[in-house]
Structure formats: C-alpha cells, structure tokens
N, C-alpha and C. Protein backbone atom coordinates (compact mmCIF):
# COMPACT_ATOMS: atom_id res chain seq x y z
N MET A 1 -74.13 -51.90 102.16
CA MET A 1 -74.10 -52.02 100.74
C MET A 1 -73.31 -53.17 100.77
N ARG A 2 -73.24 -54.12 99.28
CA ARG A 2 -72.30 -54.77 99.31
C ARG A 2 -72.70 -54.62 97.09
N ILE A 3 -71.56 -54.55 96.80
CA ILE A 3 -71.31 -54.61 95.38
C ILE A 3 -70.94 -55.42 94.78
N GLY A 4 -70.89 -56.39 93.95
CA GLY A 4 -70.90 -57.82 93.53
C GLY A 4 -69.53 -57.46 92.28
N VAL A 5 -68.58 -58.82 92.04
CA VAL A 5 -67.50 -58.39 91.42
C VAL A 5 -68.02 -58.49 90.25
N GLY A 6 -68.81 -59.10 89.68
CA GLY A 6 -69.11 -58.40 88.40
C GLY A 6 -70.00 -56.91 87.90
N VAL A 7 -70.03 -56.68 88.64
CA VAL A 7 -70.40 -54.56 88.54
C VAL A 7 -69.02 -53.97 88.60
N VAL A 8 -68.07 -54.66 89.19
CA VAL A 8 -67.15 -54.35 89.44
C VAL A 8 -66.10 -53.92 88.47
N THR A 9 -66.04 -55.07 87.95
CA THR A 9 -65.80 -55.97 86.96
C THR A 9 -65.62 -55.04 85.85
N ARG A 10 -66.86 -55.15 85.33
CA ARG A 10 -67.57 -54.39 84.55
C ARG A 10 -67.11 -52.62 84.58
N ALA A 11 -67.25 -52.04 85.54
CA ALA A 11 -66.90 -51.07 85.32
C ALA A 11 -65.39 -51.10 85.28
N ILE A 12 -64.86 -51.72 85.68
CA ILE A 12 -63.19 -51.15 85.41
C ILE A 12 -63.15 -51.39 83.99
N THR A 13 -63.83 -52.78 82.98
CA THR A 13 -63.25 -53.20 81.82
C THR A 13 -63.62 -52.39 81.22
N GLY A 14 -64.71 -50.99 81.88
CA GLY A 14 -65.50 -49.88 80.94
C GLY A 14 -64.74 -48.75 80.34
N ALA A 15 -64.04 -48.80 81.99
CA ALA A 15 -62.50 -47.82 81.75
C ALA A 15 -61.34 -47.74 81.20
N ILE A 16 -60.90 -48.89 81.13
CA ILE A 16 -59.76 -49.61 79.87
C ILE A 16 -60.09 -49.34 78.77
N THR A 17 -61.54 -49.76 78.48
CA THR A 17 -61.52 -49.41 77.28
C THR A 17 -61.99 -48.04 76.62
N LYS A 18 -62.14 -47.16 77.68
CA LYS A 18 -62.33 -45.65 77.45
C LYS A 18 -61.26 -45.50 77.32
N VAL A 19 -60.40 -45.54 77.56
CA VAL A 19 -58.56 -45.22 77.83
C VAL A 19 -58.24 -46.11 76.26
N ILE A 20 -58.09 -46.88 76.45
CA ILE A 20 -57.53 -47.19 74.99
C ILE A 20 -58.18 -46.73 73.76
N THR A 21 -59.25 -46.41 73.71
CA THR A 21 -60.37 -45.87 72.72
C THR A 21 -59.77 -44.08 72.69
N LYS A 22 -59.42 -43.29 73.84
CA LYS A 22 -58.81 -41.76 73.16
C LYS A 22 -57.69 -42.13 73.16
N ALA A 23 -56.78 -43.48 73.83
CA ALA A 23 -55.26 -43.24 72.83
C ALA A 23 -55.08 -44.02 72.00
N GLY A 24 -55.83 -44.42 71.15
CA GLY A 24 -55.94 -45.38 70.04
C GLY A 24 -56.38 -43.79 69.17
N ALA A 25 -57.59 -42.89 69.36
CA ALA A 25 -57.92 -42.17 68.63
C ALA A 25 -56.44 -40.82 68.09
N ILE A 26 -55.89 -40.67 69.45
CA ILE A 26 -54.45 -39.67 69.78
C ILE A 26 -53.77 -40.27 68.56
N ILE A 27 -53.46 -41.42 68.88
CA ILE A 27 -52.27 -41.62 68.34
C ILE A 27 -52.39 -41.51 66.42
N LEU A 28 -53.85 -42.08 66.61
CA LEU A 28 -54.48 -41.97 64.81
C LEU A 28 -54.11 -40.65 64.39
N ALA A 29 -54.57 -40.14 65.31
CA ALA A 29 -53.96 -38.46 64.60
C ALA A 29 -53.17 -38.04 65.21
N CYS A 30 -52.35 -37.95 65.75
CA CYS A 30 -50.58 -38.44 65.35
C CYS A 30 -50.04 -38.97 63.78
N LEU A 31 -50.37 -40.32 63.58
CA LEU A 31 -49.62 -40.54 62.32
C LEU A 31 -50.26 -39.28 61.44
N THR A 32 -51.42 -39.08 61.12
CA THR A 32 -52.07 -38.92 60.51
C THR A 32 -51.22 -37.50 59.91
N LEU A 33 -51.29 -36.81 61.49
CA LEU A 33 -50.71 -35.29 61.20
C LEU A 33 -49.04 -35.46 60.61
N VAL A 34 -48.47 -36.80 60.77
CA VAL A 34 -47.11 -36.48 60.20
C VAL A 34 -47.04 -37.33 58.80
N GLY A 35 -47.83 -38.45 58.27
CA GLY A 35 -48.12 -38.11 57.54
C GLY A 35 -48.62 -36.89 55.82
N CYS A 36 -49.43 -35.62 56.76
CA CYS A 36 -49.92 -35.15 55.26
C CYS A 36 -48.54 -34.33 56.08
N ALA A 37 -47.57 -34.05 56.69
CA ALA A 37 -46.49 -33.56 56.42
C ALA A 37 -45.03 -33.53 55.62
N ALA A 38 -45.39 -35.08 55.98
CA ALA A 38 -44.11 -35.70 54.27
C ALA A 38 -45.05 -36.08 53.27
N LYS A 39 -45.35 -34.82 52.29
CA LYS A 39 -45.84 -34.89 51.06
C LYS A 39 -44.95 -35.16 50.33
N ARG A 40 -45.00 -36.11 48.75
CA ARG A 40 -44.27 -35.90 47.79
C ARG A 40 -44.89 -35.21 46.90
N ASP A 41 -43.63 -34.47 46.02
CA ASP A 41 -43.66 -34.24 45.29
C ASP A 41 -43.67 -34.55 44.09
N LYS A 42 -45.27 -34.17 42.58
CA LYS A 42 -46.07 -35.08 41.89
C LYS A 42 -44.88 -34.94 41.13
N ALA A 43 -44.22 -34.11 40.38
CA ALA A 43 -43.19 -34.42 39.28
C ALA A 43 -42.12 -35.56 39.44
N ASN A 44 -41.49 -35.71 40.52
CA ASN A 44 -40.85 -36.54 40.52
C ASN A 44 -40.31 -37.66 41.91
N GLN A 45 -42.17 -37.45 42.76
CA GLN A 45 -41.95 -38.73 43.87
C GLN A 45 -40.93 -38.39 44.98
N THR A 46 -40.43 -36.98 44.87
CA THR A 46 -39.20 -36.97 45.79
C THR A 46 -40.17 -36.26 47.52
N PRO A 47 -39.60 -36.90 48.80
CA PRO A 47 -40.79 -36.51 49.12
C PRO A 47 -40.20 -35.66 49.58
N ARG A 48 -41.45 -34.52 50.32
CA ARG A 48 -41.35 -32.77 50.30
C ARG A 48 -41.48 -32.98 52.42
N ILE A 49 -40.39 -32.01 53.33
CA ILE A 49 -40.69 -31.95 54.71
C ILE A 49 -41.21 -30.79 54.54
N LEU A 50 -42.11 -30.03 55.31
CA LEU A 50 -42.52 -28.70 55.18
C LEU A 50 -42.64 -28.56 56.50
N MET A 51 -42.02 -27.50 56.91
CA MET A 51 -41.29 -27.20 58.27
C MET A 51 -42.46 -25.96 58.45
N PRO A 52 -43.05 -25.68 59.57
CA PRO A 52 -43.36 -24.00 59.79
C PRO A 52 -42.87 -23.01 60.11
N VAL A 53 -43.50 -21.96 60.26
CA VAL A 53 -42.73 -20.58 60.05
C VAL A 53 -41.37 -20.74 61.29
N VAL A 54 -40.68 -20.49 60.42
CA VAL A 54 -39.30 -20.50 61.61
C VAL A 54 -39.60 -18.63 62.47
N GLU A 55 -39.67 -17.94 63.20
CA GLU A 55 -39.56 -16.73 63.82
C GLU A 55 -38.21 -16.17 63.84
N VAL A 56 -37.40 -15.00 63.52
CA VAL A 56 -36.56 -14.58 63.81
C VAL A 56 -36.52 -13.01 64.52
N VAL A 57 -35.62 -13.55 65.78
CA VAL A 57 -35.45 -12.17 66.43
C VAL A 57 -34.52 -11.12 66.77
N ALA A 58 -33.96 -10.17 66.32
CA ALA A 58 -33.35 -9.26 66.57
C ALA A 58 -31.52 -10.38 65.39
N ASP A 59 -31.04 -10.17 66.87
CA ASP A 59 -29.58 -10.58 66.86
C ASP A 59 -29.47 -12.16 67.34
N GLU A 60 -30.27 -12.95 67.35
CA GLU A 60 -30.29 -14.20 68.05
C GLU A 60 -29.27 -15.77 67.23
N THR A 61 -29.43 -16.69 67.70
CA THR A 61 -29.02 -17.37 67.37
C THR A 61 -30.19 -18.92 67.27
N ARG A 62 -30.60 -19.36 66.73
CA ARG A 62 -31.82 -20.49 66.79
C ARG A 62 -31.36 -21.69 66.06
N THR A 63 -31.22 -22.65 67.04
CA THR A 63 -30.92 -24.06 66.23
C THR A 63 -31.83 -24.99 66.21
N ASP A 64 -32.70 -25.76 65.49
CA ASP A 64 -33.61 -26.71 65.34
C ASP A 64 -32.76 -28.05 64.84
N THR A 65 -33.65 -28.71 65.45
CA THR A 65 -33.05 -29.95 64.78
C THR A 65 -34.06 -31.50 63.62
N VAL A 66 -34.21 -31.48 62.87
CA VAL A 66 -34.84 -32.43 62.21
C VAL A 66 -34.73 -34.08 62.13
N ASN A 67 -35.19 -34.58 62.53
CA ASN A 67 -35.03 -36.31 62.46
C ASN A 67 -36.00 -36.70 61.21
N LEU A 68 -35.37 -36.82 60.35
CA LEU A 68 -35.33 -37.41 59.14
C LEU A 68 -35.55 -39.10 58.71
N GLY A 69 -35.35 -40.16 60.22
CA GLY A 69 -35.73 -40.97 59.94
C GLY A 69 -35.52 -41.88 59.05
N ARG A 70 -35.62 -42.71 58.44
CA ARG A 70 -35.09 -43.45 57.36
C ARG A 70 -35.20 -43.46 56.12
N VAL A 71 -34.14 -43.29 55.22
CA VAL A 71 -34.20 -42.38 54.13
C VAL A 71 -33.34 -43.52 52.92
N GLY A 72 -33.82 -43.53 51.82
CA GLY A 72 -32.69 -44.37 50.87
C GLY A 72 -31.45 -43.82 50.43
N GLN A 73 -30.90 -45.02 49.78
CA GLN A 73 -29.63 -43.94 49.82
C GLN A 73 -29.57 -43.85 48.14
N GLY A 74 -29.32 -42.53 47.83
CA GLY A 74 -29.33 -41.60 46.27
C GLY A 74 -30.60 -41.64 46.31
N GLN A 75 -31.54 -40.80 47.02
CA GLN A 75 -32.78 -40.47 47.10
C GLN A 75 -32.51 -38.68 47.30
N THR A 76 -33.08 -37.96 47.13
CA THR A 76 -33.43 -36.64 47.47
C THR A 76 -34.67 -35.98 47.82
N LEU A 77 -34.05 -35.30 49.23
CA LEU A 77 -35.13 -34.60 50.03
C LEU A 77 -35.32 -33.66 49.60
N LEU A 78 -36.76 -32.80 49.72
CA LEU A 78 -36.74 -31.71 49.72
C LEU A 78 -36.99 -30.91 50.82
N TYR A 79 -36.21 -30.11 51.32
CA TYR A 79 -36.98 -29.14 52.67
C TYR A 79 -37.36 -28.00 52.32
N GLU A 80 -38.45 -27.13 52.74
CA GLU A 80 -38.93 -25.95 53.09
C GLU A 80 -39.42 -25.81 54.09
N PHE A 81 -38.78 -25.08 54.01
CA PHE A 81 -39.81 -23.20 55.02
C PHE A 81 -39.47 -21.61 55.10
N SER A 82 -40.38 -21.44 56.34
CA SER A 82 -40.16 -19.71 56.02
C SER A 82 -39.67 -19.84 57.10
N ILE A 83 -38.90 -18.20 56.90
CA ILE A 83 -38.42 -16.98 58.09
C ILE A 83 -39.32 -16.39 58.23
N GLU A 84 -40.09 -15.98 59.37
CA GLU A 84 -40.40 -14.75 59.42
C GLU A 84 -39.72 -13.73 60.09
N ASN A 85 -40.06 -12.35 59.46
CA ASN A 85 -38.89 -11.41 59.88
C ASN A 85 -39.76 -10.66 61.54
N GLN A 86 -39.27 -11.07 62.23
CA GLN A 86 -39.93 -10.02 63.84
C GLN A 86 -38.92 -9.52 64.30
N THR A 87 -37.92 -8.77 63.70
CA THR A 87 -37.31 -7.93 63.90
C THR A 87 -37.71 -6.16 63.40
N THR A 88 -37.57 -5.22 64.20
CA THR A 88 -37.80 -3.89 63.75
C THR A 88 -37.12 -3.09 62.04
N GLU A 89 -36.46 -4.07 61.63
CA GLU A 89 -36.24 -3.60 60.22
C GLU A 89 -36.06 -5.00 59.83
N PRO A 90 -36.36 -4.40 57.88
CA PRO A 90 -36.26 -4.93 56.29
C PRO A 90 -35.07 -6.07 57.12
N LEU A 91 -35.32 -7.44 56.94
CA LEU A 91 -34.74 -8.39 57.05
C LEU A 91 -33.92 -9.33 55.49
N SER A 92 -32.99 -10.27 55.53
CA SER A 92 -32.50 -10.38 54.47
C SER A 92 -31.51 -11.35 54.80
N ILE A 93 -31.60 -12.90 53.66
CA ILE A 93 -30.52 -13.52 54.00
C ILE A 93 -29.39 -13.38 53.21
N ILE A 94 -27.99 -13.30 54.15
CA ILE A 94 -26.10 -13.03 53.64
C ILE A 94 -26.06 -13.80 53.40
N ALA A 95 -25.99 -15.37 53.67
CA ALA A 95 -25.85 -16.41 53.45
C ALA A 95 -25.98 -18.03 53.87
N CYS A 96 -26.11 -19.01 53.31
CA CYS A 96 -26.13 -20.28 53.89
C CYS A 96 -25.64 -20.83 53.90
N GLU A 97 -24.82 -21.38 54.39
CA GLU A 97 -23.65 -22.28 54.86
C GLU A 97 -24.32 -24.06 55.05
N THR A 98 -23.90 -24.83 53.66
CA THR A 98 -24.28 -25.48 53.84
C THR A 98 -23.45 -26.90 54.21
N GLY A 99 -21.71 -26.90 54.06
CA GLY A 99 -20.79 -27.39 54.40
C GLY A 99 -20.19 -28.21 53.31
N CYS A 100 -21.35 -28.94 52.17
CA CYS A 100 -20.61 -29.78 51.14
C CYS A 100 -21.51 -29.40 49.75
N GLY A 101 -21.72 -30.26 48.88
CA GLY A 101 -22.15 -30.30 47.34
C GLY A 101 -23.50 -31.34 48.16
N CYS A 102 -23.83 -32.03 49.45
CA CYS A 102 -24.54 -32.95 49.29
C CYS A 102 -26.32 -31.68 49.41
N VAL A 103 -25.32 -30.96 50.12
CA VAL A 103 -27.38 -30.07 50.43
C VAL A 103 -26.84 -28.61 49.66
N THR A 104 -27.94 -28.14 48.36
CA THR A 104 -28.21 -27.32 48.22
C THR A 104 -28.95 -26.32 48.92
N ALA A 105 -29.55 -24.89 48.70
CA ALA A 105 -30.03 -24.05 49.02
C ALA A 105 -30.76 -23.16 48.10
N GLU A 106 -31.73 -23.11 48.22
CA GLU A 106 -33.06 -22.29 47.37
C GLU A 106 -32.89 -21.19 47.90
N TYR A 107 -32.84 -19.74 48.03
CA TYR A 107 -33.65 -18.37 48.42
C TYR A 107 -32.97 -17.36 47.94
N SER A 108 -33.93 -16.15 48.75
CA SER A 108 -34.12 -14.62 47.86
C SER A 108 -32.75 -14.04 48.70
N THR A 109 -32.30 -13.09 47.73
CA THR A 109 -31.07 -12.19 49.03
C THR A 109 -31.82 -11.05 49.30
N LYS A 110 -33.21 -10.79 48.40
CA LYS A 110 -33.74 -9.57 48.45
C LYS A 110 -34.18 -9.03 50.27
N PRO A 111 -34.18 -8.31 50.90
CA PRO A 111 -34.81 -7.97 51.95
C PRO A 111 -36.43 -8.02 51.97
N TRP A 112 -36.71 -8.74 53.11
CA TRP A 112 -38.10 -8.69 53.30
C TRP A 112 -38.69 -7.73 54.70
N ALA A 113 -39.54 -7.13 54.07
CA ALA A 113 -40.68 -6.08 55.31
C ALA A 113 -40.74 -6.98 56.71
N VAL A 114 -40.93 -6.39 57.89
CA VAL A 114 -41.06 -6.95 59.11
C VAL A 114 -42.65 -7.29 58.72
N GLY A 115 -42.30 -8.18 59.84
CA GLY A 115 -44.00 -8.98 59.78
C GLY A 115 -44.25 -9.90 58.31
N THR A 116 -43.53 -9.77 58.17
CA THR A 116 -43.62 -10.50 56.89
C THR A 116 -42.71 -12.19 56.73
N ALA A 117 -42.70 -13.27 55.58
CA ALA A 117 -41.85 -14.39 55.91
C ALA A 117 -41.04 -14.49 54.27
N ASP A 118 -39.78 -14.81 54.42
CA ASP A 118 -39.63 -14.82 52.91
C ASP A 118 -39.43 -17.16 52.67
N ARG A 119 -39.73 -17.91 51.61
CA ARG A 119 -39.48 -18.80 51.93
C ARG A 119 -38.01 -19.45 51.18
N CYS A 120 -37.86 -21.09 51.99
CA CYS A 120 -36.22 -21.16 51.91
C CYS A 120 -36.44 -22.93 51.26
N ARG A 121 -35.48 -23.48 50.64
CA ARG A 121 -36.13 -24.51 50.05
C ARG A 121 -34.27 -25.21 50.26
N LEU A 122 -34.29 -25.97 50.33
CA LEU A 122 -32.54 -27.07 50.76
C LEU A 122 -33.70 -28.22 49.71
N GLU A 123 -32.59 -28.96 48.74
CA GLU A 123 -32.15 -30.06 48.62
C GLU A 123 -31.42 -31.15 49.74
N ILE A 124 -31.62 -32.01 50.07
CA ILE A 124 -30.58 -32.58 50.51
C ILE A 124 -30.10 -34.09 49.86
N HIS A 125 -28.97 -34.38 49.55
CA HIS A 125 -28.77 -35.46 48.47
C HIS A 125 -28.19 -37.00 49.62
N THR A 126 -28.42 -38.31 49.00
CA THR A 126 -28.19 -39.28 50.36
C THR A 126 -27.11 -39.67 49.27
N ASP A 127 -26.89 -39.51 48.10
CA ASP A 127 -25.61 -40.75 47.36
C ASP A 127 -24.37 -40.68 48.12
N GLY A 128 -23.64 -41.88 48.41
CA GLY A 128 -22.91 -41.86 48.24
C GLY A 128 -22.32 -42.21 49.89
N ARG A 129 -24.20 -41.71 50.70
CA ARG A 129 -23.84 -42.21 52.59
C ARG A 129 -24.74 -43.78 52.88
N ASN A 130 -24.42 -43.54 53.88
CA ASN A 130 -25.27 -44.92 54.91
C ASN A 130 -24.56 -45.17 55.97
N GLY A 131 -25.79 -45.46 56.37
CA GLY A 131 -25.32 -45.70 57.94
C GLY A 131 -25.86 -44.17 58.00
N LEU A 132 -26.02 -43.92 59.83
CA LEU A 132 -26.41 -43.02 60.79
C LEU A 132 -25.40 -41.33 60.10
N TRP A 133 -26.34 -40.39 59.56
CA TRP A 133 -25.82 -39.42 58.84
C TRP A 133 -26.23 -37.95 59.42
N MET A 134 -25.59 -37.22 60.33
CA MET A 134 -25.94 -35.78 60.29
C MET A 134 -25.70 -35.33 60.04
N HIS A 135 -26.39 -33.78 59.44
CA HIS A 135 -25.71 -32.18 58.74
C HIS A 135 -26.35 -31.26 59.14
N ARG A 136 -25.33 -30.05 59.32
CA ARG A 136 -25.90 -28.83 59.99
C ARG A 136 -26.05 -28.12 58.86
N VAL A 137 -26.62 -26.71 58.21
CA VAL A 137 -27.26 -25.88 57.16
C VAL A 137 -26.96 -24.46 58.51
N ASN A 138 -26.09 -23.51 58.02
CA ASN A 138 -26.39 -22.25 58.79
C ASN A 138 -26.79 -21.63 58.09
N TRP A 139 -27.88 -20.64 58.53
CA TRP A 139 -27.95 -19.59 57.87
C TRP A 139 -27.68 -18.02 58.57
N VAL A 140 -27.21 -17.35 57.87
CA VAL A 140 -26.91 -15.77 58.39
C VAL A 140 -27.53 -15.09 57.70
N LEU A 141 -28.02 -13.76 58.55
CA LEU A 141 -29.27 -13.13 58.16
C LEU A 141 -28.81 -11.72 58.36
N SER A 142 -29.47 -10.62 57.96
CA SER A 142 -28.72 -9.77 58.03
C SER A 142 -28.82 -9.06 59.53
N SER A 143 -29.58 -8.89 60.13
CA SER A 143 -29.74 -8.72 61.52
C SER A 143 -28.81 -9.15 62.44
N GLY A 144 -27.71 -9.79 61.97
CA GLY A 144 -27.21 -10.54 63.26
C GLY A 144 -27.00 -12.15 62.94
N ALA A 145 -29.32 -12.29 63.07
CA ALA A 145 -29.60 -13.72 63.27
C ALA A 145 -29.04 -14.57 62.99
N LYS A 146 -28.79 -15.94 63.37
CA LYS A 146 -28.08 -17.37 62.84
C LYS A 146 -29.07 -18.25 63.43
N TYR A 147 -29.51 -18.73 62.16
CA TYR A 147 -30.44 -20.17 62.07
C TYR A 147 -29.55 -21.44 61.73
N ASP A 148 -29.42 -22.41 62.45
CA ASP A 148 -29.04 -23.55 62.28
C ASP A 148 -30.23 -24.77 62.25
N ILE A 149 -29.88 -25.56 61.09
CA ILE A 149 -31.06 -26.90 60.75
C ILE A 149 -29.72 -27.77 60.83
N VAL A 150 -30.18 -28.83 61.93
CA VAL A 150 -29.65 -30.25 62.21
C VAL A 150 -30.12 -31.59 61.75
N PHE A 151 -29.80 -32.00 60.05
CA PHE A 151 -31.01 -32.77 59.92
C PHE A 151 -29.89 -33.74 60.66
N ARG A 152 -31.05 -35.09 61.11
CA ARG A 152 -30.84 -36.78 61.43
C ARG A 152 -30.80 -37.52 60.70
N MET A 153 -30.68 -38.50 60.07
CA MET A 153 -31.03 -39.65 59.28
C MET A 153 -30.41 -40.84 58.97
N GLU A 154 -31.04 -41.96 59.03
CA GLU A 154 -30.40 -43.03 58.78
C GLU A 154 -30.66 -43.57 57.61
N VAL A 155 -29.17 -43.71 56.75
CA VAL A 155 -29.48 -44.12 55.07
C VAL A 155 -29.25 -45.65 54.39
N LYS A 156 -30.32 -46.10 54.26
CA LYS A 156 -30.22 -47.75 54.00
C LYS A 156 -30.18 -48.19 52.08
C-alpha cells in the first residue's frame, strides 16, 4: 500500500498546527498568571507584587530570589507575602534587616499560632538607583529560622 505525498504533508501540517496551538495556549496562560500576580494599588498606582505563603520550619534558613524585571527610577514597589508557622510553637518576627532606607518593612512582632500565617509588607524605593540592582532583606524569626529575600531588578 502506498501513501501519497499529499496525505503525509497534511498529516504533518496538522500535527505541527496542534503543537503550535497547545504551545500558544500555554504561553497565554503563563502571561495571564504573570499579569494577575503584578497588580496595582488603586490608590496610587504603585505596582504590588504578591508572593505565595512562605512556610517556615524550625530553625532553617531559606532564601528566595525575586526578579522584578525592569522598573522605573523613583518608583515605589509594594511586595506582600505571608509567613506560615510550620513549627511546633508560636512564632514571631524578631527583626527585619533591610540594610538601608531604600526598603521599609511592615510586620507584626506578636506571635502567631502553629499552622497559621502572618502577613508582611515591604516597600522598595528606587530613588537614586540606576541600572542593575540587587538588594537583600533578612527576616529573623523567634524559632531561630531565617528567611532572606533577594530582589533583582533593572532600574531605568
């Protein structure tokens, strides 16, 4: 039995079209998720970056890197996240070391129960910055755990 060139060509073209359609749908879904994650604060149109819950276990040290991409010089970014207590005792934030005045932190020092989460907020000020910029923020917790966030961005 012989298969004509036209049949093979249509089959290959159909397969390629399906792959491209699926890849396009995946890319569109990813772009939609990214667009939803970087919301704007309606009061002053400041970009807000929302981080999922960070689970803290006993006395571990954890570091997350957040790439903020390109941001405008003089812009203030709001970064919000929650720390979930996965230890066996109440947990509290002892300190937040921001390094300089370009990052300010809002958080509660009151302990929160096992299995619950506490909300934290950082404001990142890009005044006087230009080019590639990395900044580390260190959180020290009552369990002995440390949580570090490294922000990377290009300030234009």
